[in-house]
Amino acid sequence: MQTLSVSKLTTKSQATIPDRVRRKLGLKPGDSIVFKTKDGHIYLQKARPIDRVLAGAVEETLADEWNSAHDDKAYADL
């Protein structure tokens, strides 16, 4: 049986993870979460240490890649 939990986005695009989901994933304040996409679906899971290491490594390599006046102009209307 599928259960649904609903949360509303704030003006800052933040959402509260419902208690039922937090308990199921064992989430506690300060934990990191991972959003995975596959076949048009989004999956949420508690981040493992390797997920945080990978995300940090990718973030550092892309930090300057899309940070130019040309990029600012290209994406200004998004």
PDB file of N, CA and C in Angstrom:
ATOM      1  N   MET A   1       0.827  -1.178   0.000  1.00  0.00           N
ATOM      2  CA  MET A   1       0.000   0.000   0.000  1.00  0.00           C
ATOM      3  C   MET A   1       0.876   1.248   0.000  1.00  0.00           C
ATOM      4  N   GLN A   2       0.516   2.196  -0.788  1.00  0.00           N
ATOM      5  CA  GLN A   2       1.250   3.457  -0.882  1.00  0.00           C
ATOM      6  C   GLN A   2       0.658   4.460   0.101  1.00  0.00           C
ATOM      7  N   THR A   3       1.525   5.143   0.848  1.00  0.00           N
ATOM      8  CA  THR A   3       1.054   6.199   1.736  1.00  0.00           C
ATOM      9  C   THR A   3       1.557   7.530   1.201  1.00  0.00           C
ATOM     10  N   LEU A   4       0.763   8.541   1.364  1.00  0.00           N
ATOM     11  CA  LEU A   4       1.123   9.871   0.889  1.00  0.00           C
ATOM     12  C   LEU A   4       1.361  10.794   2.070  1.00  0.00           C
ATOM     13  N   SER A   5       2.352  11.634   1.929  1.00  0.00           N
ATOM     14  CA  SER A   5       2.619  12.705   2.879  1.00  0.00           C
ATOM     15  C   SER A   5       2.789  13.967   2.055  1.00  0.00           C
ATOM     16  N   VAL A   6       2.196  15.034   2.488  1.00  0.00           N
ATOM     17  CA  VAL A   6       2.211  16.279   1.728  1.00  0.00           C
ATOM     18  C   VAL A   6       2.899  17.367   2.541  1.00  0.00           C
ATOM     19  N   SER A   7       3.656  18.207   1.834  1.00  0.00           N
ATOM     20  CA  SER A   7       4.316  19.351   2.449  1.00  0.00           C
ATOM     21  C   SER A   7       4.215  20.517   1.480  1.00  0.00           C
ATOM     22  N   LYS A   8       4.162  21.717   1.986  1.00  0.00           N
ATOM     23  CA  LYS A   8       4.014  22.910   1.151  1.00  0.00           C
ATOM     24  C   LYS A   8       5.337  23.666   1.085  1.00  0.00           C
ATOM     25  N   LEU A   9       5.707  24.161  -0.104  1.00  0.00           N
ATOM     26  CA  LEU A   9       6.926  24.957  -0.262  1.00  0.00           C
ATOM     27  C   LEU A   9       6.729  26.359   0.288  1.00  0.00           C
ATOM     28  N   THR A  10       7.766  26.862   0.952  1.00  0.00           N
ATOM     29  CA  THR A  10       7.755  28.245   1.409  1.00  0.00           C
ATOM     30  C   THR A  10       8.193  29.142   0.252  1.00  0.00           C
ATOM     31  N   THR A  11       8.204  30.430   0.479  1.00  0.00           N
ATOM     32  CA  THR A  11       8.651  31.362  -0.558  1.00  0.00           C
ATOM     33  C   THR A  11      10.131  31.189  -0.879  1.00  0.00           C
ATOM     34  N   LYS A  12      10.874  30.526   0.009  1.00  0.00           N
ATOM     35  CA  LYS A  12      12.290  30.250  -0.228  1.00  0.00           C
ATOM     36  C   LYS A  12      12.499  28.845  -0.793  1.00  0.00           C
ATOM     37  N   SER A  13      11.422  28.218  -1.281  1.00  0.00           N
ATOM     38  CA  SER A  13      11.451  26.863  -1.849  1.00  0.00           C
ATOM     39  C   SER A  13      11.886  25.816  -0.830  1.00  0.00           C
ATOM     40  N   GLN A  14      11.564  26.038   0.422  1.00  0.00           N
ATOM     41  CA  GLN A  14      11.873  25.075   1.479  1.00  0.00           C
ATOM     42  C   GLN A  14      10.594  24.327   1.841  1.00  0.00           C
ATOM     43  N   ALA A  15      10.768  23.076   2.248  1.00  0.00           N
ATOM     44  CA  ALA A  15       9.627  22.272   2.664  1.00  0.00           C
ATOM     45  C   ALA A  15       9.991  21.498   3.922  1.00  0.00           C
ATOM     46  N   THR A  16       9.010  21.245   4.747  1.00  0.00           N
ATOM     47  CA  THR A  16       9.204  20.422   5.927  1.00  0.00           C
ATOM     48  C   THR A  16       9.014  18.961   5.526  1.00  0.00           C
ATOM     49  N   ILE A  17       9.927  18.114   5.950  1.00  0.00           N
ATOM     50  CA  ILE A  17       9.777  16.689   5.694  1.00  0.00           C
ATOM     51  C   ILE A  17       8.817  16.151   6.751  1.00  0.00           C
ATOM     52  N   PRO A  18       7.705  15.585   6.328  1.00  0.00           N
ATOM     53  CA  PRO A  18       6.712  15.112   7.293  1.00  0.00           C
ATOM     54  C   PRO A  18       7.302  14.117   8.295  1.00  0.00           C
ATOM     55  N   ASP A  19       6.770  14.138   9.518  1.00  0.00           N
ATOM     56  CA  ASP A  19       7.258  13.291  10.606  1.00  0.00           C
ATOM     57  C   ASP A  19       7.319  11.822  10.208  1.00  0.00           C
ATOM     58  N   ARG A  20       6.295  11.340   9.534  1.00  0.00           N
ATOM     59  CA  ARG A  20       6.258   9.928   9.125  1.00  0.00           C
ATOM     60  C   ARG A  20       7.455   9.580   8.242  1.00  0.00           C
ATOM     61  N   VAL A  21       7.822  10.483   7.338  1.00  0.00           N
ATOM     62  CA  VAL A  21       8.960  10.258   6.443  1.00  0.00           C
ATOM     63  C   VAL A  21      10.266  10.349   7.219  1.00  0.00           C
ATOM     64  N   ARG A  22      10.380  11.355   8.098  1.00  0.00           N
ATOM     65  CA  ARG A  22      11.595  11.490   8.918  1.00  0.00           C
ATOM     66  C   ARG A  22      11.843  10.242   9.745  1.00  0.00           C
ATOM     67  N   ARG A  23      10.784   9.710  10.354  1.00  0.00           N
ATOM     68  CA  ARG A  23      10.928   8.500  11.163  1.00  0.00           C
ATOM     69  C   ARG A  23      11.336   7.313  10.292  1.00  0.00           C
ATOM     70  N   LYS A  24      10.711   7.174   9.143  1.00  0.00           N
ATOM     71  CA  LYS A  24      11.009   6.046   8.243  1.00  0.00           C
ATOM     72  C   LYS A  24      12.472   6.079   7.790  1.00  0.00           C
ATOM     73  N   LEU A  25      13.003   7.292   7.525  1.00  0.00           N
ATOM     74  CA  LEU A  25      14.387   7.425   7.066  1.00  0.00           C
ATOM     75  C   LEU A  25      15.389   7.571   8.209  1.00  0.00           C
ATOM     76  N   GLY A  26      14.900   7.687   9.433  1.00  0.00           N
ATOM     77  CA  GLY A  26      15.792   7.865  10.577  1.00  0.00           C
ATOM     78  C   GLY A  26      16.480   9.215  10.562  1.00  0.00           C
ATOM     79  N   LEU A  27      15.784  10.237  10.070  1.00  0.00           N
ATOM     80  CA  LEU A  27      16.375  11.581   9.964  1.00  0.00           C
ATOM     81  C   LEU A  27      16.290  12.327  11.286  1.00  0.00           C
ATOM     82  N   LYS A  28      17.373  13.044  11.578  1.00  0.00           N
ATOM     83  CA  LYS A  28      17.443  13.878  12.774  1.00  0.00           C
ATOM     84  C   LYS A  28      17.937  15.265  12.361  1.00  0.00           C
ATOM     85  N   PRO A  29      17.691  16.292  13.177  1.00  0.00           N
ATOM     86  CA  PRO A  29      18.177  17.633  12.837  1.00  0.00           C
ATOM     87  C   PRO A  29      19.677  17.604  12.523  1.00  0.00           C
ATOM     88  N   GLY A  30      20.055  18.267  11.450  1.00  0.00           N
ATOM     89  CA  GLY A  30      21.453  18.326  11.032  1.00  0.00           C
ATOM     90  C   GLY A  30      21.834  17.274  10.009  1.00  0.00           C
ATOM     91  N   ASP A  31      20.987  16.245   9.817  1.00  0.00           N
ATOM     92  CA  ASP A  31      21.276  15.227   8.805  1.00  0.00           C
ATOM     93  C   ASP A  31      21.168  15.825   7.408  1.00  0.00           C
ATOM     94  N   SER A  32      21.903  15.256   6.486  1.00  0.00           N
ATOM     95  CA  SER A  32      21.805  15.643   5.080  1.00  0.00           C
ATOM     96  C   SER A  32      20.921  14.634   4.364  1.00  0.00           C
ATOM     97  N   ILE A  33      20.247  15.100   3.326  1.00  0.00           N
ATOM     98  CA  ILE A  33      19.411  14.228   2.519  1.00  0.00           C
ATOM     99  C   ILE A  33      19.856  14.307   1.068  1.00  0.00           C
ATOM    100  N   VAL A  34      19.528  13.275   0.324  1.00  0.00           N
ATOM    101  CA  VAL A  34      19.891  13.183  -1.090  1.00  0.00           C
ATOM    102  C   VAL A  34      18.609  13.060  -1.901  1.00  0.00           C
ATOM    103  N   PHE A  35      18.531  13.806  -3.003  1.00  0.00           N
ATOM    104  CA  PHE A  35      17.434  13.679  -3.947  1.00  0.00           C
ATOM    105  C   PHE A  35      17.986  12.976  -5.177  1.00  0.00           C
ATOM    106  N   LYS A  36      17.409  11.844  -5.530  1.00  0.00           N
ATOM    107  CA  LYS A  36      17.841  11.106  -6.712  1.00  0.00           C
ATOM    108  C   LYS A  36      16.694  11.083  -7.710  1.00  0.00           C
ATOM    109  N   THR A  37      17.022  11.202  -8.991  1.00  0.00           N
ATOM    110  CA  THR A  37      16.004  11.145 -10.028  1.00  0.00           C
ATOM    111  C   THR A  37      16.238   9.916 -10.892  1.00  0.00           C
ATOM    112  N   LYS A  38      15.142   9.251 -11.246  1.00  0.00           N
ATOM    113  CA  LYS A  38      15.225   8.086 -12.117  1.00  0.00           C
ATOM    114  C   LYS A  38      13.869   7.867 -12.769  1.00  0.00           C
ATOM    115  N   ASP A  39      13.887   7.786 -14.081  1.00  0.00           N
ATOM    116  CA  ASP A  39      12.667   7.488 -14.841  1.00  0.00           C
ATOM    117  C   ASP A  39      11.505   8.405 -14.477  1.00  0.00           C
ATOM    118  N   GLY A  40      11.785   9.692 -14.311  1.00  0.00           N
ATOM    119  CA  GLY A  40      10.733  10.658 -14.020  1.00  0.00           C
ATOM    120  C   GLY A  40      10.261  10.677 -12.578  1.00  0.00           C
ATOM    121  N   HIS A  41      10.924   9.951 -11.700  1.00  0.00           N
ATOM    122  CA  HIS A  41      10.567   9.926 -10.288  1.00  0.00           C
ATOM    123  C   HIS A  41      11.695  10.531  -9.471  1.00  0.00           C
ATOM    124  N   ILE A  42      11.343  11.118  -8.344  1.00  0.00           N
ATOM    125  CA  ILE A  42      12.312  11.685  -7.413  1.00  0.00           C
ATOM    126  C   ILE A  42      12.302  10.823  -6.155  1.00  0.00           C
ATOM    127  N   TYR A  43      13.485  10.443  -5.716  1.00  0.00           N
ATOM    128  CA  TYR A  43      13.630   9.631  -4.515  1.00  0.00           C
ATOM    129  C   TYR A  43      14.406  10.421  -3.476  1.00  0.00           C
ATOM    130  N   LEU A  44      13.977  10.328  -2.247  1.00  0.00           N
ATOM    131  CA  LEU A  44      14.607  11.019  -1.125  1.00  0.00           C
ATOM    132  C   LEU A  44      15.191   9.966  -0.198  1.00  0.00           C
ATOM    133  N   GLN A  45      16.441  10.168   0.197  1.00  0.00           N
ATOM    134  CA  GLN A  45      17.036   9.248   1.163  1.00  0.00           C
ATOM    135  C   GLN A  45      18.005  10.004   2.048  1.00  0.00           C
ATOM    136  N   LYS A  46      18.304   9.404   3.188  1.00  0.00           N
ATOM    137  CA  LYS A  46      19.286   9.980   4.091  1.00  0.00           C
ATOM    138  C   LYS A  46      20.654   9.873   3.426  1.00  0.00           C
ATOM    139  N   ALA A  47      21.414  10.958   3.448  1.00  0.00           N
ATOM    140  CA  ALA A  47      22.735  10.966   2.811  1.00  0.00           C
ATOM    141  C   ALA A  47      23.709  10.132   3.628  1.00  0.00           C
ATOM    142  N   ARG A  48      24.476   9.349   2.924  1.00  0.00           N
ATOM    143  CA  ARG A  48      25.559   8.591   3.558  1.00  0.00           C
ATOM    144  C   ARG A  48      26.820   9.441   3.468  1.00  0.00           C
ATOM    145  N   PRO A  49      27.840   9.152   4.246  1.00  0.00           N
ATOM    146  CA  PRO A  49      29.073   9.947   4.176  1.00  0.00           C
ATOM    147  C   PRO A  49      29.627  10.059   2.754  1.00  0.00           C
ATOM    148  N   ILE A  50      29.559   8.991   1.966  1.00  0.00           N
ATOM    149  CA  ILE A  50      30.089   9.040   0.597  1.00  0.00           C
ATOM    150  C   ILE A  50      29.284  10.009  -0.271  1.00  0.00           C
ATOM    151  N   ASP A  51      27.975  10.143  -0.021  1.00  0.00           N
ATOM    152  CA  ASP A  51      27.150  11.083  -0.776  1.00  0.00           C
ATOM    153  C   ASP A  51      27.616  12.512  -0.534  1.00  0.00           C
ATOM    154  N   ARG A  52      27.951  12.833   0.726  1.00  0.00           N
ATOM    155  CA  ARG A  52      28.396  14.195   1.055  1.00  0.00           C
ATOM    156  C   ARG A  52      29.769  14.473   0.467  1.00  0.00           C
ATOM    157  N   VAL A  53      30.645  13.483   0.469  1.00  0.00           N
ATOM    158  CA  VAL A  53      31.984  13.647  -0.112  1.00  0.00           C
ATOM    159  C   VAL A  53      31.873  13.890  -1.616  1.00  0.00           C
ATOM    160  N   LEU A  54      31.058  13.095  -2.293  1.00  0.00           N
ATOM    161  CA  LEU A  54      30.877  13.244  -3.737  1.00  0.00           C
ATOM    162  C   LEU A  54      30.271  14.601  -4.072  1.00  0.00           C
ATOM    163  N   ALA A  55      29.242  15.001  -3.345  1.00  0.00           N
ATOM    164  CA  ALA A  55      28.603  16.291  -3.604  1.00  0.00           C
ATOM    165  C   ALA A  55      29.588  17.437  -3.408  1.00  0.00           C
ATOM    166  N   GLY A  56      30.405  17.375  -2.367  1.00  0.00           N
ATOM    167  CA  GLY A  56      31.403  18.414  -2.119  1.00  0.00           C
ATOM    168  C   GLY A  56      32.443  18.474  -3.219  1.00  0.00           C
ATOM    169  N   ALA A  57      32.866  17.318  -3.711  1.00  0.00           N
ATOM    170  CA  ALA A  57      33.866  17.279  -4.779  1.00  0.00           C
ATOM    171  C   ALA A  57      33.305  17.854  -6.071  1.00  0.00           C
ATOM    172  N   VAL A  58      32.085  17.511  -6.409  1.00  0.00           N
ATOM    173  CA  VAL A  58      31.463  18.016  -7.636  1.00  0.00           C
ATOM    174  C   VAL A  58      31.222  19.514  -7.525  1.00  0.00           C
ATOM    175  N   GLU A  59      30.750  19.956  -6.375  1.00  0.00           N
ATOM    176  CA  GLU A  59      30.476  21.377  -6.171  1.00  0.00           C
ATOM    177  C   GLU A  59      31.732  22.218  -6.371  1.00  0.00           C
ATOM    178  N   GLU A  60      32.842  21.754  -5.835  1.00  0.00           N
ATOM    179  CA  GLU A  60      34.093  22.499  -5.965  1.00  0.00           C
ATOM    180  C   GLU A  60      34.545  22.593  -7.419  1.00  0.00           C
ATOM    181  N   THR A  61      34.344  21.545  -8.206  1.00  0.00           N
ATOM    182  CA  THR A  61      34.790  21.575  -9.601  1.00  0.00           C
ATOM    183  C   THR A  61      33.901  22.451 -10.462  1.00  0.00           C
ATOM    184  N   LEU A  62      32.641  22.640 -10.057  1.00  0.00           N
ATOM    185  CA  LEU A  62      31.721  23.437 -10.859  1.00  0.00           C
ATOM    186  C   LEU A  62      31.605  24.881 -10.389  1.00  0.00           C
ATOM    187  N   ALA A  63      32.176  25.205  -9.255  1.00  0.00           N
ATOM    188  CA  ALA A  63      31.997  26.528  -8.661  1.00  0.00           C
ATOM    189  C   ALA A  63      32.378  27.651  -9.615  1.00  0.00           C
ATOM    190  N   ASP A  64      33.475  27.508 -10.346  1.00  0.00           N
ATOM    191  CA  ASP A  64      33.913  28.560 -11.252  1.00  0.00           C
ATOM    192  C   ASP A  64      33.481  28.321 -12.691  1.00  0.00           C
ATOM    193  N   GLU A  65      33.018  27.120 -12.972  1.00  0.00           N
ATOM    194  CA  GLU A  65      32.666  26.766 -14.336  1.00  0.00           C
ATOM    195  C   GLU A  65      31.541  27.623 -14.902  1.00  0.00           C
ATOM    196  N   TRP A  66      30.508  27.894 -14.095  1.00  0.00           N
ATOM    197  CA  TRP A  66      29.378  28.676 -14.560  1.00  0.00           C
ATOM    198  C   TRP A  66      29.273  29.983 -13.784  1.00  0.00           C
ATOM    199  N   ASN A  67      30.395  30.656 -13.658  1.00  0.00           N
ATOM    200  CA  ASN A  67      30.412  31.876 -12.879  1.00  0.00           C
ATOM    201  C   ASN A  67      31.123  32.965 -13.667  1.00  0.00           C
ATOM    202  N   SER A  68      30.440  33.467 -14.691  1.00  0.00           N
ATOM    203  CA  SER A  68      31.028  34.518 -15.511  1.00  0.00           C
ATOM    204  C   SER A  68      29.934  35.507 -15.911  1.00  0.00           C
ATOM    205  N   ALA A  69      30.351  36.647 -16.406  1.00  0.00           N
ATOM    206  CA  ALA A  69      29.385  37.649 -16.880  1.00  0.00           C
ATOM    207  C   ALA A  69      28.543  37.078 -18.011  1.00  0.00           C
ATOM    208  N   HIS A  70      29.158  36.264 -18.873  1.00  0.00           N
ATOM    209  CA  HIS A  70      28.424  35.634 -19.972  1.00  0.00           C
ATOM    210  C   HIS A  70      27.316  34.725 -19.427  1.00  0.00           C
ATOM    211  N   ASP A  71      27.646  33.928 -18.412  1.00  0.00           N
ATOM    212  CA  ASP A  71      26.651  33.052 -17.809  1.00  0.00           C
ATOM    213  C   ASP A  71      25.540  33.859 -17.137  1.00  0.00           C
ATOM    214  N   ASP A  72      25.924  34.915 -16.416  1.00  0.00           N
ATOM    215  CA  ASP A  72      24.914  35.764 -15.760  1.00  0.00           C
ATOM    216  C   ASP A  72      23.933  36.288 -16.784  1.00  0.00           C
ATOM    217  N   LYS A  73      24.420  36.727 -17.930  1.00  0.00           N
ATOM    218  CA  LYS A  73      23.537  37.258 -18.978  1.00  0.00           C
ATOM    219  C   LYS A  73      22.669  36.147 -19.569  1.00  0.00           C
ATOM    220  N   ALA A  74      23.261  34.989 -19.813  1.00  0.00           N
ATOM    221  CA  ALA A  74      22.539  33.885 -20.435  1.00  0.00           C
ATOM    222  C   ALA A  74      21.406  33.384 -19.550  1.00  0.00           C
ATOM    223  N   TYR A  75      21.603  33.397 -18.225  1.00  0.00           N
ATOM    224  CA  TYR A  75      20.613  32.829 -17.325  1.00  0.00           C
ATOM    225  C   TYR A  75      19.833  33.881 -16.533  1.00  0.00           C
ATOM    226  N   ALA A  76      19.948  35.139 -16.917  1.00  0.00           N
ATOM    227  CA  ALA A  76      19.315  36.223 -16.169  1.00  0.00           C
ATOM    228  C   ALA A  76      17.803  36.101 -16.107  1.00  0.00           C
ATOM    229  N   ASP A  77      17.173  35.537 -17.128  1.00  0.00           N
ATOM    230  CA  ASP A  77      15.716  35.483 -17.151  1.00  0.00           C
ATOM    231  C   ASP A  77      15.133  34.202 -16.554  1.00  0.00           C
ATOM    232  N   LEU A  78      15.975  33.372 -15.964  1.00  0.00           N
ATOM    233  CA  LEU A  78      15.473  32.115 -15.369  1.00  0.00           C
ATOM    234  C   LEU A  78      14.964  32.332 -13.967  1.00  0.00           C
TER     235      LEU A  78
END
